[in-house]
Amino acid sequence: MTHFIPRLYPTTKAWLVLGIILCSIFIPGYWFQYSIFLVALVLAMLSGVAKRYTSLFLKSIFIISLFIFIIQTFLVYHDHIIGSWYIFKVSSTGLQASLTMTSKIVAIGAILIWFFQVTQVKDIAAAMQNAGWNKKLIFVMLSTMQLIPQMTSMMNTIADAQRSRGVETEGNLITRMKSFVPMLGPVVLTSIEQNEERVLTLESRAFSNRQRPTLMVPVNKTKADYLLSWIIIIIMLGIFYWGVFK
């Protein structure tokens, strides 16, 4: 099972992600949305990426949701106050709005993190090419998805180089800011330089040629992908109908 899910065709997993996102947006309440995190966690466990998935979720979506929940609940004024302390006031309206807002963030963020943890960028590119997408559009989308990981890796490399020279990069917030700001210049300049090199590489590989390129690592859709895609679509339509119209 740990190898079966990552090997599924990208659009098969994309149907699941799209269905969950639409259900999370249109189904009222917040219990269904919060339960999506458990669903995504189970999928991550079955995919063999539970540890990496949990770490990434806690470092990103959880912190963002907690921050929004605190601001919306304690600092934004609402009617129907149920408790107060100093400048902080809690209302039933604000609490309901906080739960509804953060639940959608948790649901969408949880399933998207799972998708990109079990789907490689090269497989997404191959699926786009098989679907007949424009090569320039594919390049722009893939470059956008790879931008943050590349800049993070570059930042870590520069930080290691700074530490080897005796520069303090760890400690309190002020110390980290002092070491972080000088890194921005090399990171941005290196990213621009890499983009120029990437453009030259693509031109040397006949990127502007209108003929369809040959995939070095072909990604094919199997019968299981077709079957799972229809099962996912039917289940998500049923959940959507039950949640919205019932």
Foldseek 3Di string as FASTA:
>chain_A
DLPVVLLAQLVLLVLLLVLQLVLLVQFDDQPSLQCLLVVLLVVCVSNVNNVVLVVVCCVPLVVVLVVLLCCQAFPDDDPQWPDDDDSTTGHPVSNRVSSSVSSSSSNNVSSVSSSPVSYDLLSVLLVCLVVPHDLVVSVVVSCVVCVVVVLVVVLVVVVVVCVVVVQDCDDDPVSVVVVNVVVVVVSVVVVVVVVVVVVVVCVVVVVVDPDRDDDPDHRDHDPVSVVSSVVSVVVSVVSSCVRNVD
